[in-house]
PDB file of all heavy atoms in Angstrom:
ATOM      1  N   SER A   1      25.034 -15.931 -14.320  1.00  0.00           N
ATOM      2  CA  SER A   1      24.215 -16.315 -13.174  1.00  0.00           C
ATOM      3  C   SER A   1      23.910 -15.108 -12.291  1.00  0.00           C
ATOM      4  O   SER A   1      22.782 -14.959 -11.790  1.00  0.00           O
ATOM      5  CB  SER A   1      24.946 -17.382 -12.355  1.00  0.00           C
ATOM      6  OG  SER A   1      24.234 -17.695 -11.186  1.00  0.00           O
ATOM      7  N   ARG A   2      24.894 -14.236 -12.134  1.00  0.00           N
ATOM      8  CA  ARG A   2      24.699 -13.038 -11.311  1.00  0.00           C
ATOM      9  C   ARG A   2      23.690 -12.102 -11.959  1.00  0.00           C
ATOM     10  O   ARG A   2      22.833 -11.527 -11.279  1.00  0.00           O
ATOM     11  CB  ARG A   2      26.038 -12.329 -11.124  1.00  0.00           C
ATOM     12  CG  ARG A   2      25.988 -11.152 -10.166  1.00  0.00           C
ATOM     13  CD  ARG A   2      27.371 -10.598  -9.947  1.00  0.00           C
ATOM     14  NE  ARG A   2      27.356  -9.461  -9.038  1.00  0.00           N
ATOM     15  CZ  ARG A   2      28.454  -8.809  -8.659  1.00  0.00           C
ATOM     16  NH1 ARG A   2      29.627  -9.187  -9.105  1.00  0.00           N
ATOM     17  NH2 ARG A   2      28.359  -7.782  -7.828  1.00  0.00           N
ATOM     18  N   ARG A   3      23.781 -11.938 -13.284  1.00  0.00           N
ATOM     19  CA  ARG A   3      22.818 -11.093 -13.992  1.00  0.00           C
ATOM     20  C   ARG A   3      21.409 -11.651 -13.869  1.00  0.00           C
ATOM     21  O   ARG A   3      20.449 -10.911 -13.651  1.00  0.00           O
ATOM     22  CB  ARG A   3      23.213 -10.978 -15.470  1.00  0.00           C
ATOM     23  CG  ARG A   3      24.380 -10.038 -15.732  1.00  0.00           C
ATOM     24  CD  ARG A   3      24.479  -9.687 -17.187  1.00  0.00           C
ATOM     25  NE  ARG A   3      24.874 -10.835 -17.989  1.00  0.00           N
ATOM     26  CZ  ARG A   3      26.115 -11.095 -18.353  1.00  0.00           C
ATOM     27  NH1 ARG A   3      27.093 -10.293 -17.992  1.00  0.00           N
ATOM     28  NH2 ARG A   3      26.396 -12.155 -19.083  1.00  0.00           N
ATOM     29  N   ASN A   4      21.298 -12.967 -13.995  1.00  0.00           N
ATOM     30  CA  ASN A   4      19.981 -13.593 -13.853  1.00  0.00           C
ATOM     31  C   ASN A   4      19.413 -13.379 -12.459  1.00  0.00           C
ATOM     32  O   ASN A   4      18.217 -13.138 -12.291  1.00  0.00           O
ATOM     33  CB  ASN A   4      20.073 -15.091 -14.153  1.00  0.00           C
ATOM     34  CG  ASN A   4      20.186 -15.375 -15.640  1.00  0.00           C
ATOM     35  OD1 ASN A   4      19.642 -14.636 -16.465  1.00  0.00           O
ATOM     36  ND2 ASN A   4      20.887 -16.431 -15.995  1.00  0.00           N
ATOM     37  N   SER A   5      20.300 -13.478 -11.444  1.00  0.00           N
ATOM     38  CA  SER A   5      19.861 -13.287 -10.068  1.00  0.00           C
ATOM     39  C   SER A   5      19.375 -11.851  -9.848  1.00  0.00           C
ATOM     40  O   SER A   5      18.326 -11.624  -9.225  1.00  0.00           O
ATOM     41  CB  SER A   5      21.004 -13.610  -9.108  1.00  0.00           C
ATOM     42  OG  SER A   5      20.618 -13.389  -7.771  1.00  0.00           O
ATOM     43  N   ASN A   6      20.133 -10.878 -10.361  1.00  0.00           N
ATOM     44  CA  ASN A   6      19.726  -9.476 -10.234  1.00  0.00           C
ATOM     45  C   ASN A   6      18.409  -9.214 -10.956  1.00  0.00           C
ATOM     46  O   ASN A   6      17.556  -8.465 -10.475  1.00  0.00           O
ATOM     47  CB  ASN A   6      20.812  -8.560 -10.793  1.00  0.00           C
ATOM     48  CG  ASN A   6      22.074  -8.556  -9.948  1.00  0.00           C
ATOM     49  OD1 ASN A   6      22.024  -8.889  -8.762  1.00  0.00           O
ATOM     50  ND2 ASN A   6      23.198  -8.207 -10.533  1.00  0.00           N
ATOM     51  N   MET A   7      18.262  -9.847 -12.110  1.00  0.00           N
ATOM     52  CA  MET A   7      17.035  -9.669 -12.873  1.00  0.00           C
ATOM     53  C   MET A   7      15.841 -10.256 -12.130  1.00  0.00           C
ATOM     54  O   MET A   7      14.754  -9.654 -12.090  1.00  0.00           O
ATOM     55  CB  MET A   7      17.181 -10.342 -14.242  1.00  0.00           C
ATOM     56  CG  MET A   7      15.941 -10.234 -15.129  1.00  0.00           C
ATOM     57  SD  MET A   7      15.457  -8.519 -15.466  1.00  0.00           S
ATOM     58  CE  MET A   7      16.874  -7.986 -16.423  1.00  0.00           C
ATOM     59  N   GLU A   8      16.019 -11.418 -11.529  1.00  0.00           N
ATOM     60  CA  GLU A   8      14.929 -12.045 -10.776  1.00  0.00           C
ATOM     61  C   GLU A   8      14.509 -11.174  -9.600  1.00  0.00           C
ATOM     62  O   GLU A   8      13.313 -11.020  -9.321  1.00  0.00           O
ATOM     63  CB  GLU A   8      15.368 -13.430 -10.269  1.00  0.00           C
ATOM     64  CG  GLU A   8      15.573 -14.466 -11.357  1.00  0.00           C
ATOM     65  CD  GLU A   8      14.297 -14.776 -12.108  1.00  0.00           C
ATOM     66  OE1 GLU A   8      13.220 -14.727 -11.483  1.00  0.00           O
ATOM     67  OE2 GLU A   8      14.364 -15.070 -13.315  1.00  0.00           O
ATOM     68  N   ARG A   9      15.483 -10.583  -8.898  1.00  0.00           N
ATOM     69  CA  ARG A   9      15.160  -9.699  -7.775  1.00  0.00           C
ATOM     70  C   ARG A   9      14.413  -8.457  -8.258  1.00  0.00           C
ATOM     71  O   ARG A   9      13.459  -8.005  -7.608  1.00  0.00           O
ATOM     72  CB  ARG A   9      16.436  -9.305  -7.027  1.00  0.00           C
ATOM     73  CG  ARG A   9      17.016 -10.396  -6.163  1.00  0.00           C
ATOM     74  CD  ARG A   9      17.988  -9.818  -5.131  1.00  0.00           C
ATOM     75  NE  ARG A   9      19.123  -9.195  -5.774  1.00  0.00           N
ATOM     76  CZ  ARG A   9      20.257  -9.831  -6.065  1.00  0.00           C
ATOM     77  NH1 ARG A   9      20.378 -11.116  -5.782  1.00  0.00           N
ATOM     78  NH2 ARG A   9      21.267  -9.190  -6.625  1.00  0.00           N
ATOM     79  N   ALA A  10      14.853  -7.911  -9.387  1.00  0.00           N
ATOM     80  CA  ALA A  10      14.185  -6.721  -9.929  1.00  0.00           C
ATOM     81  C   ALA A  10      12.752  -7.038 -10.325  1.00  0.00           C
ATOM     82  O   ALA A  10      11.825  -6.267 -10.049  1.00  0.00           O
ATOM     83  CB  ALA A  10      14.959  -6.191 -11.136  1.00  0.00           C
ATOM     84  N   MET A  11      12.551  -8.186 -10.955  1.00  0.00           N
ATOM     85  CA  MET A  11      11.210  -8.595 -11.369  1.00  0.00           C
ATOM     86  C   MET A  11      10.298  -8.776 -10.163  1.00  0.00           C
ATOM     87  O   MET A  11       9.120  -8.401 -10.183  1.00  0.00           O
ATOM     88  CB  MET A  11      11.290  -9.889 -12.186  1.00  0.00           C
ATOM     89  CG  MET A  11      11.942  -9.719 -13.543  1.00  0.00           C
ATOM     90  SD  MET A  11      12.208 -11.293 -14.408  1.00  0.00           S
ATOM     91  CE  MET A  11      10.531 -11.858 -14.640  1.00  0.00           C
ATOM     92  N   LYS A  12      10.838  -9.348  -9.093  1.00  0.00           N
ATOM     93  CA  LYS A  12      10.058  -9.549  -7.876  1.00  0.00           C
ATOM     94  C   LYS A  12       9.666  -8.213  -7.254  1.00  0.00           C
ATOM     95  O   LYS A  12       8.517  -8.025  -6.822  1.00  0.00           O
ATOM     96  CB  LYS A  12      10.863 -10.377  -6.878  1.00  0.00           C
ATOM     97  CG  LYS A  12      10.109 -10.697  -5.595  1.00  0.00           C
ATOM     98  CD  LYS A  12      10.950 -11.553  -4.663  1.00  0.00           C
ATOM     99  CE  LYS A  12      10.191 -11.851  -3.363  1.00  0.00           C
ATOM    100  NZ  LYS A  12      11.020 -12.663  -2.429  1.00  0.00           N
ATOM    101  N   SER A  13      10.616  -7.269  -7.220  1.00  0.00           N
ATOM    102  CA  SER A  13      10.331  -5.953  -6.631  1.00  0.00           C
ATOM    103  C   SER A  13       9.269  -5.208  -7.440  1.00  0.00           C
ATOM    104  O   SER A  13       8.362  -4.587  -6.872  1.00  0.00           O
ATOM    105  CB  SER A  13      11.615  -5.119  -6.567  1.00  0.00           C
ATOM    106  OG  SER A  13      12.571  -5.741  -5.722  1.00  0.00           O
ATOM    107  N   VAL A  14       9.377  -5.272  -8.761  1.00  0.00           N
ATOM    108  CA  VAL A  14       8.395  -4.603  -9.620  1.00  0.00           C
ATOM    109  C   VAL A  14       7.011  -5.214  -9.421  1.00  0.00           C
ATOM    110  O   VAL A  14       6.001  -4.501  -9.375  1.00  0.00           O
ATOM    111  CB  VAL A  14       8.818  -4.695 -11.099  1.00  0.00           C
ATOM    112  CG1 VAL A  14       7.710  -4.165 -12.018  1.00  0.00           C
ATOM    113  CG2 VAL A  14      10.102  -3.904 -11.337  1.00  0.00           C
ATOM    114  N   ALA A  15       6.963  -6.531  -9.280  1.00  0.00           N
ATOM    115  CA  ALA A  15       5.677  -7.202  -9.063  1.00  0.00           C
ATOM    116  C   ALA A  15       5.037  -6.760  -7.748  1.00  0.00           C
ATOM    117  O   ALA A  15       3.824  -6.566  -7.668  1.00  0.00           O
ATOM    118  CB  ALA A  15       5.878  -8.715  -9.081  1.00  0.00           C
ATOM    119  N   GLU A  16       5.861  -6.597  -6.703  1.00  0.00           N
ATOM    120  CA  GLU A  16       5.336  -6.145  -5.406  1.00  0.00           C
ATOM    121  C   GLU A  16       4.791  -4.719  -5.490  1.00  0.00           C
ATOM    122  O   GLU A  16       3.735  -4.418  -4.937  1.00  0.00           O
ATOM    123  CB  GLU A  16       6.437  -6.238  -4.350  1.00  0.00           C
ATOM    124  CG  GLU A  16       6.847  -7.673  -4.008  1.00  0.00           C
ATOM    125  CD  GLU A  16       8.045  -7.726  -3.077  1.00  0.00           C
ATOM    126  OE1 GLU A  16       8.643  -6.656  -2.840  1.00  0.00           O
ATOM    127  OE2 GLU A  16       8.383  -8.830  -2.597  1.00  0.00           O
ATOM    128  N   VAL A  17       5.506  -3.850  -6.200  1.00  0.00           N
ATOM    129  CA  VAL A  17       5.027  -2.476  -6.362  1.00  0.00           C
ATOM    130  C   VAL A  17       3.745  -2.463  -7.187  1.00  0.00           C
ATOM    131  O   VAL A  17       2.833  -1.675  -6.933  1.00  0.00           O
ATOM    132  CB  VAL A  17       6.111  -1.601  -7.024  1.00  0.00           C
ATOM    133  CG1 VAL A  17       5.575  -0.193  -7.288  1.00  0.00           C
ATOM    134  CG2 VAL A  17       7.350  -1.520  -6.141  1.00  0.00           C
ATOM    135  N   ALA A  18       3.683  -3.350  -8.182  1.00  0.00           N
ATOM    136  CA  ALA A  18       2.485  -3.418  -9.045  1.00  0.00           C
ATOM    137  C   ALA A  18       1.239  -3.726  -8.219  1.00  0.00           C
ATOM    138  O   ALA A  18       0.158  -3.188  -8.479  1.00  0.00           O
ATOM    139  CB  ALA A  18       2.684  -4.473 -10.124  1.00  0.00           C
ATOM    140  N   ILE A  19       1.387  -4.580  -7.223  1.00  0.00           N
ATOM    141  CA  ILE A  19       0.247  -4.900  -6.352  1.00  0.00           C
ATOM    142  C   ILE A  19      -0.217  -3.656  -5.603  1.00  0.00           C
ATOM    143  O   ILE A  19      -1.416  -3.391  -5.476  1.00  0.00           O
ATOM    144  CB  ILE A  19       0.643  -6.027  -5.369  1.00  0.00           C
ATOM    145  CG1 ILE A  19       0.917  -7.332  -6.131  1.00  0.00           C
ATOM    146  CG2 ILE A  19      -0.465  -6.247  -4.337  1.00  0.00           C
ATOM    147  CD1 ILE A  19       1.443  -8.451  -5.268  1.00  0.00           C
ATOM    148  N   GLU A  20       0.742  -2.870  -5.105  1.00  0.00           N
ATOM    149  CA  GLU A  20       0.406  -1.637  -4.387  1.00  0.00           C
ATOM    150  C   GLU A  20      -0.269  -0.629  -5.320  1.00  0.00           C
ATOM    151  O   GLU A  20      -1.219   0.049  -4.934  1.00  0.00           O
ATOM    152  CB  GLU A  20       1.675  -1.028  -3.786  1.00  0.00           C
ATOM    153  CG  GLU A  20       2.275  -1.837  -2.639  1.00  0.00           C
ATOM    154  CD  GLU A  20       1.360  -1.855  -1.420  1.00  0.00           C
ATOM    155  OE1 GLU A  20       0.670  -0.852  -1.180  1.00  0.00           O
ATOM    156  OE2 GLU A  20       1.326  -2.878  -0.724  1.00  0.00           O
ATOM    157  N   VAL A  21       0.240  -0.540  -6.558  1.00  0.00           N
ATOM    158  CA  VAL A  21      -0.349   0.394  -7.525  1.00  0.00           C
ATOM    159  C   VAL A  21      -1.801   0.030  -7.799  1.00  0.00           C
ATOM    160  O   VAL A  21      -2.689   0.887  -7.831  1.00  0.00           O
ATOM    161  CB  VAL A  21       0.463   0.390  -8.834  1.00  0.00           C
ATOM    162  CG1 VAL A  21      -0.253   1.203  -9.914  1.00  0.00           C
ATOM    163  CG2 VAL A  21       1.857   0.961  -8.602  1.00  0.00           C
ATOM    164  N   THR A  22      -2.053  -1.265  -7.969  1.00  0.00           N
ATOM    165  CA  THR A  22      -3.419  -1.731  -8.227  1.00  0.00           C
ATOM    166  C   THR A  22      -4.342  -1.401  -7.052  1.00  0.00           C
ATOM    167  O   THR A  22      -5.494  -0.994  -7.243  1.00  0.00           O
ATOM    168  CB  THR A  22      -3.420  -3.249  -8.478  1.00  0.00           C
ATOM    169  OG1 THR A  22      -2.552  -3.548  -9.583  1.00  0.00           O
ATOM    170  CG2 THR A  22      -4.818  -3.746  -8.809  1.00  0.00           C
ATOM    171  N   ALA A  23      -3.833  -1.571  -5.840  1.00  0.00           N
ATOM    172  CA  ALA A  23      -4.641  -1.277  -4.648  1.00  0.00           C
ATOM    173  C   ALA A  23      -4.986   0.215  -4.566  1.00  0.00           C
ATOM    174  O   ALA A  23      -6.136   0.581  -4.296  1.00  0.00           O
ATOM    175  CB  ALA A  23      -3.887  -1.717  -3.393  1.00  0.00           C
ATOM    176  N   LYS A  24      -3.998   1.085  -4.809  1.00  0.00           N
ATOM    177  CA  LYS A  24      -4.253   2.534  -4.760  1.00  0.00           C
ATOM    178  C   LYS A  24      -5.228   2.938  -5.863  1.00  0.00           C
ATOM    179  O   LYS A  24      -6.104   3.789  -5.661  1.00  0.00           O
ATOM    180  CB  LYS A  24      -2.953   3.320  -4.918  1.00  0.00           C
ATOM    181  CG  LYS A  24      -1.857   2.966  -3.929  1.00  0.00           C
ATOM    182  CD  LYS A  24      -2.288   3.077  -2.495  1.00  0.00           C
ATOM    183  CE  LYS A  24      -1.120   2.749  -1.572  1.00  0.00           C
ATOM    184  NZ  LYS A  24      -1.524   2.439  -0.200  1.00  0.00           N
ATOM    185  N   GLU A  25      -5.060   2.350  -7.034  1.00  0.00           N
ATOM    186  CA  GLU A  25      -5.930   2.671  -8.164  1.00  0.00           C
ATOM    187  C   GLU A  25      -7.376   2.315  -7.845  1.00  0.00           C
ATOM    188  O   GLU A  25      -8.305   3.056  -8.173  1.00  0.00           O
ATOM    189  CB  GLU A  25      -5.463   1.921  -9.409  1.00  0.00           C
ATOM    190  CG  GLU A  25      -6.237   2.269 -10.672  1.00  0.00           C
ATOM    191  CD  GLU A  25      -5.692   1.557 -11.884  1.00  0.00           C
ATOM    192  OE1 GLU A  25      -5.051   0.490 -11.701  1.00  0.00           O
ATOM    193  OE2 GLU A  25      -5.896   2.037 -12.999  1.00  0.00           O
ATOM    194  N   SER A  26      -7.577   1.190  -7.175  1.00  0.00           N
ATOM    195  CA  SER A  26      -8.925   0.764  -6.817  1.00  0.00           C
ATOM    196  C   SER A  26      -9.578   1.752  -5.855  1.00  0.00           C
ATOM    197  O   SER A  26     -10.751   2.095  -5.998  1.00  0.00           O
ATOM    198  CB  SER A  26      -8.866  -0.632  -6.188  1.00  0.00           C
ATOM    199  OG  SER A  26     -10.145  -1.048  -5.763  1.00  0.00           O
ATOM    200  N   VAL A  27      -8.815   2.244  -4.881  1.00  0.00           N
ATOM    201  CA  VAL A  27      -9.352   3.191  -3.895  1.00  0.00           C
ATOM    202  C   VAL A  27      -9.752   4.503  -4.562  1.00  0.00           C
ATOM    203  O   VAL A  27     -10.854   5.028  -4.351  1.00  0.00           O
ATOM    204  CB  VAL A  27      -8.315   3.452  -2.784  1.00  0.00           C
ATOM    205  CG1 VAL A  27      -8.779   4.583  -1.871  1.00  0.00           C
ATOM    206  CG2 VAL A  27      -8.085   2.190  -1.959  1.00  0.00           C
ATOM    207  N   ILE A  28      -8.859   5.035  -5.396  1.00  0.00           N
ATOM    208  CA  ILE A  28      -9.115   6.342  -6.013  1.00  0.00           C
ATOM    209  C   ILE A  28     -10.244   6.265  -7.033  1.00  0.00           C
ATOM    210  O   ILE A  28     -11.073   7.172  -7.130  1.00  0.00           O
ATOM    211  CB  ILE A  28      -7.816   6.867  -6.656  1.00  0.00           C
ATOM    212  CG1 ILE A  28      -6.777   7.160  -5.555  1.00  0.00           C
ATOM    213  CG2 ILE A  28      -8.081   8.120  -7.483  1.00  0.00           C
ATOM    214  CD1 ILE A  28      -5.419   7.569  -6.070  1.00  0.00           C
ATOM    215  N   CYS A  29     -10.286   5.169  -7.814  1.00  0.00           N
ATOM    216  CA  CYS A  29     -11.347   5.024  -8.814  1.00  0.00           C
ATOM    217  C   CYS A  29     -12.732   4.906  -8.167  1.00  0.00           C
ATOM    218  O   CYS A  29     -13.746   5.197  -8.802  1.00  0.00           O
ATOM    219  CB  CYS A  29     -11.074   3.810  -9.695  1.00  0.00           C
ATOM    220  SG  CYS A  29      -9.680   4.035 -10.820  1.00  0.00           S
ATOM    221  N   LYS A  30     -12.783   4.475  -6.913  1.00  0.00           N
ATOM    222  CA  LYS A  30     -14.052   4.371  -6.202  1.00  0.00           C
ATOM    223  C   LYS A  30     -14.425   5.675  -5.485  1.00  0.00           C
ATOM    224  O   LYS A  30     -15.386   5.716  -4.729  1.00  0.00           O
ATOM    225  CB  LYS A  30     -13.989   3.226  -5.185  1.00  0.00           C
ATOM    226  CG  LYS A  30     -13.938   1.844  -5.828  1.00  0.00           C
ATOM    227  CD  LYS A  30     -13.859   0.753  -4.773  1.00  0.00           C
ATOM    228  CE  LYS A  30     -13.799  -0.633  -5.414  1.00  0.00           C
ATOM    229  NZ  LYS A  30     -13.689  -1.715  -4.397  1.00  0.00           N
ATOM    230  N   GLY A  31     -13.641   6.734  -5.721  1.00  0.00           N
ATOM    231  CA  GLY A  31     -13.939   8.022  -5.116  1.00  0.00           C
ATOM    232  C   GLY A  31     -13.216   8.281  -3.821  1.00  0.00           C
ATOM    233  O   GLY A  31     -13.417   9.326  -3.192  1.00  0.00           O
ATOM    234  N   GLY A  32     -12.381   7.354  -3.402  1.00  0.00           N
ATOM    235  CA  GLY A  32     -11.640   7.545  -2.160  1.00  0.00           C
ATOM    236  C   GLY A  32     -10.401   8.397  -2.365  1.00  0.00           C
ATOM    237  O   GLY A  32     -10.084   8.817  -3.478  1.00  0.00           O
ATOM    238  N   ARG A  33      -9.703   8.680  -1.282  1.00  0.00           N
ATOM    239  CA  ARG A  33      -8.503   9.482  -1.324  1.00  0.00           C
ATOM    240  C   ARG A  33      -7.344   8.720  -0.714  1.00  0.00           C
ATOM    241  O   ARG A  33      -7.515   7.939   0.205  1.00  0.00           O
ATOM    242  CB  ARG A  33      -8.703  10.808  -0.580  1.00  0.00           C
ATOM    243  CG  ARG A  33      -9.716  11.725  -1.258  1.00  0.00           C
ATOM    244  CD  ARG A  33      -9.848  13.051  -0.524  1.00  0.00           C
ATOM    245  NE  ARG A  33     -10.236  12.851   0.877  1.00  0.00           N
ATOM    246  CZ  ARG A  33      -9.456  13.104   1.915  1.00  0.00           C
ATOM    247  NH1 ARG A  33      -8.242  13.562   1.737  1.00  0.00           N
ATOM    248  NH2 ARG A  33      -9.893  12.903   3.138  1.00  0.00           N
ATOM    249  N   VAL A  34      -6.135   8.967  -1.268  1.00  0.00           N
ATOM    250  CA  VAL A  34      -4.912   8.340  -0.787  1.00  0.00           C
ATOM    251  C   VAL A  34      -3.916   9.445  -0.482  1.00  0.00           C
ATOM    252  O   VAL A  34      -3.849  10.450  -1.221  1.00  0.00           O
ATOM    253  CB  VAL A  34      -4.334   7.380  -1.848  1.00  0.00           C
ATOM    254  CG1 VAL A  34      -2.997   6.811  -1.390  1.00  0.00           C
ATOM    255  CG2 VAL A  34      -5.315   6.255  -2.153  1.00  0.00           C
ATOM    256  N   ALA A  35      -3.171   9.278   0.576  1.00  0.00           N
ATOM    257  CA  ALA A  35      -2.159  10.283   0.916  1.00  0.00           C
ATOM    258  C   ALA A  35      -1.163  10.397  -0.241  1.00  0.00           C
ATOM    259  O   ALA A  35      -0.650   9.400  -0.734  1.00  0.00           O
ATOM    260  CB  ALA A  35      -1.438   9.882   2.200  1.00  0.00           C
ATOM    261  N   GLU A  36      -0.914  11.627  -0.673  1.00  0.00           N
ATOM    262  CA  GLU A  36      -0.035  11.839  -1.833  1.00  0.00           C
ATOM    263  C   GLU A  36       1.365  11.272  -1.585  1.00  0.00           C
ATOM    264  O   GLU A  36       2.044  10.824  -2.508  1.00  0.00           O
ATOM    265  CB  GLU A  36       0.057  13.326  -2.155  1.00  0.00           C
ATOM    266  CG  GLU A  36       0.844  13.605  -3.434  1.00  0.00           C
ATOM    267  CD  GLU A  36       0.834  15.069  -3.800  1.00  0.00           C
ATOM    268  OE1 GLU A  36       0.156  15.849  -3.100  1.00  0.00           O
ATOM    269  OE2 GLU A  36       1.498  15.439  -4.772  1.00  0.00           O
ATOM    270  N   LYS A  37       1.783  11.270  -0.342  1.00  0.00           N
ATOM    271  CA  LYS A  37       3.106  10.745  -0.002  1.00  0.00           C
ATOM    272  C   LYS A  37       3.222   9.272  -0.385  1.00  0.00           C
ATOM    273  O   LYS A  37       4.287   8.819  -0.816  1.00  0.00           O
ATOM    274  CB  LYS A  37       3.365  10.924   1.497  1.00  0.00           C
ATOM    275  CG  LYS A  37       4.755  10.486   1.928  1.00  0.00           C
ATOM    276  CD  LYS A  37       4.975  10.735   3.405  1.00  0.00           C
ATOM    277  CE  LYS A  37       6.366  10.285   3.829  1.00  0.00           C
ATOM    278  NZ  LYS A  37       6.600  10.491   5.279  1.00  0.00           N
ATOM    279  N   GLU A  38       2.127   8.516  -0.244  1.00  0.00           N
ATOM    280  CA  GLU A  38       2.156   7.095  -0.605  1.00  0.00           C
ATOM    281  C   GLU A  38       2.363   6.913  -2.101  1.00  0.00           C
ATOM    282  O   GLU A  38       3.105   6.026  -2.538  1.00  0.00           O
ATOM    283  CB  GLU A  38       0.846   6.421  -0.161  1.00  0.00           C
ATOM    284  CG  GLU A  38       0.636   6.421   1.343  1.00  0.00           C
ATOM    285  CD  GLU A  38      -0.649   5.721   1.737  1.00  0.00           C
ATOM    286  OE1 GLU A  38      -1.218   5.019   0.885  1.00  0.00           O
ATOM    287  OE2 GLU A  38      -1.088   5.889   2.892  1.00  0.00           O
ATOM    288  N   LEU A  39       1.717   7.738  -2.900  1.00  0.00           N
ATOM    289  CA  LEU A  39       1.885   7.662  -4.350  1.00  0.00           C
ATOM    290  C   LEU A  39       3.309   8.043  -4.758  1.00  0.00           C
ATOM    291  O   LEU A  39       3.911   7.397  -5.623  1.00  0.00           O
ATOM    292  CB  LEU A  39       0.871   8.577  -5.048  1.00  0.00           C
ATOM    293  CG  LEU A  39      -0.613   8.245  -4.796  1.00  0.00           C
ATOM    294  CD1 LEU A  39      -1.496   9.276  -5.483  1.00  0.00           C
ATOM    295  CD2 LEU A  39      -0.957   6.846  -5.290  1.00  0.00           C
ATOM    296  N   LEU A  40       3.844   9.085  -4.118  1.00  0.00           N
ATOM    297  CA  LEU A  40       5.208   9.506  -4.426  1.00  0.00           C
ATOM    298  C   LEU A  40       6.223   8.431  -4.046  1.00  0.00           C
ATOM    299  O   LEU A  40       7.218   8.222  -4.758  1.00  0.00           O
ATOM    300  CB  LEU A  40       5.529  10.807  -3.688  1.00  0.00           C
ATOM    301  CG  LEU A  40       4.764  12.045  -4.155  1.00  0.00           C
ATOM    302  CD1 LEU A  40       5.081  13.235  -3.263  1.00  0.00           C
ATOM    303  CD2 LEU A  40       5.092  12.363  -5.611  1.00  0.00           C
ATOM    304  N   THR A  41       5.976   7.737  -2.949  1.00  0.00           N
ATOM    305  CA  THR A  41       6.876   6.658  -2.518  1.00  0.00           C
ATOM    306  C   THR A  41       6.911   5.539  -3.546  1.00  0.00           C
ATOM    307  O   THR A  41       7.980   4.994  -3.875  1.00  0.00           O
ATOM    308  CB  THR A  41       6.427   6.093  -1.156  1.00  0.00           C
ATOM    309  OG1 THR A  41       6.473   7.133  -0.179  1.00  0.00           O
ATOM    310  CG2 THR A  41       7.343   4.949  -0.716  1.00  0.00           C
ATOM    311  N   LEU A  42       5.741   5.187  -4.093  1.00  0.00           N
ATOM    312  CA  LEU A  42       5.684   4.135  -5.114  1.00  0.00           C
ATOM    313  C   LEU A  42       6.430   4.554  -6.377  1.00  0.00           C
ATOM    314  O   LEU A  42       7.135   3.744  -6.986  1.00  0.00           O
ATOM    315  CB  LEU A  42       4.226   3.812  -5.444  1.00  0.00           C
ATOM    316  CG  LEU A  42       3.419   3.126  -4.341  1.00  0.00           C
ATOM    317  CD1 LEU A  42       1.979   2.935  -4.786  1.00  0.00           C
ATOM    318  CD2 LEU A  42       4.033   1.778  -3.971  1.00  0.00           C
ATOM    319  N   ILE A  43       6.291   5.811  -6.759  1.00  0.00           N
ATOM    320  CA  ILE A  43       7.015   6.300  -7.942  1.00  0.00           C
ATOM    321  C   ILE A  43       8.518   6.228  -7.708  1.00  0.00           C
ATOM    322  O   ILE A  43       9.285   5.825  -8.601  1.00  0.00           O
ATOM    323  CB  ILE A  43       6.586   7.744  -8.271  1.00  0.00           C
ATOM    324  CG1 ILE A  43       5.125   7.755  -8.741  1.00  0.00           C
ATOM    325  CG2 ILE A  43       7.489   8.341  -9.348  1.00  0.00           C
ATOM    326  CD1 ILE A  43       4.570   9.140  -9.020  1.00  0.00           C
ATOM    327  N   GLU A  44       8.970   6.597  -6.513  1.00  0.00           N
ATOM    328  CA  GLU A  44      10.391   6.534  -6.188  1.00  0.00           C
ATOM    329  C   GLU A  44      10.906   5.101  -6.236  1.00  0.00           C
ATOM    330  O   GLU A  44      12.020   4.829  -6.720  1.00  0.00           O
ATOM    331  CB  GLU A  44      10.640   7.133  -4.807  1.00  0.00           C
ATOM    332  CG  GLU A  44      10.446   8.642  -4.759  1.00  0.00           C
ATOM    333  CD  GLU A  44      10.601   9.192  -3.348  1.00  0.00           C
ATOM    334  OE1 GLU A  44      10.851   8.378  -2.431  1.00  0.00           O
ATOM    335  OE2 GLU A  44      10.477  10.415  -3.158  1.00  0.00           O
ATOM    336  N   LEU A  45      10.106   4.150  -5.748  1.00  0.00           N
ATOM    337  CA  LEU A  45      10.511   2.739  -5.786  1.00  0.00           C
ATOM    338  C   LEU A  45      10.670   2.256  -7.220  1.00  0.00           C
ATOM    339  O   LEU A  45      11.617   1.542  -7.554  1.00  0.00           O
ATOM    340  CB  LEU A  45       9.477   1.886  -5.055  1.00  0.00           C
ATOM    341  CG  LEU A  45       9.437   2.013  -3.528  1.00  0.00           C
ATOM    342  CD1 LEU A  45       8.265   1.221  -2.962  1.00  0.00           C
ATOM    343  CD2 LEU A  45      10.744   1.514  -2.914  1.00  0.00           C
ATOM    344  N   LEU A  46       9.728   2.651  -8.075  1.00  0.00           N
ATOM    345  CA  LEU A  46       9.798   2.242  -9.477  1.00  0.00           C
ATOM    346  C   LEU A  46      11.010   2.869 -10.173  1.00  0.00           C
ATOM    347  O   LEU A  46      11.694   2.195 -10.959  1.00  0.00           O
ATOM    348  CB  LEU A  46       8.506   2.638 -10.199  1.00  0.00           C
ATOM    349  CG  LEU A  46       7.265   1.825  -9.817  1.00  0.00           C
ATOM    350  CD1 LEU A  46       6.018   2.448 -10.421  1.00  0.00           C
ATOM    351  CD2 LEU A  46       7.393   0.375 -10.264  1.00  0.00           C
TER     352      LEU A  46
END
């Protein structure tokens, strides 16, 4: 049960980061710029 709980939390965290990654990707692909620190923070979270 504890392993399942830890896994569920990890899956939720990864899903939240995935949303941020998609948002940054959309901005950059449209020619916009994102602060490099934000990208590095997402990599650290992953």
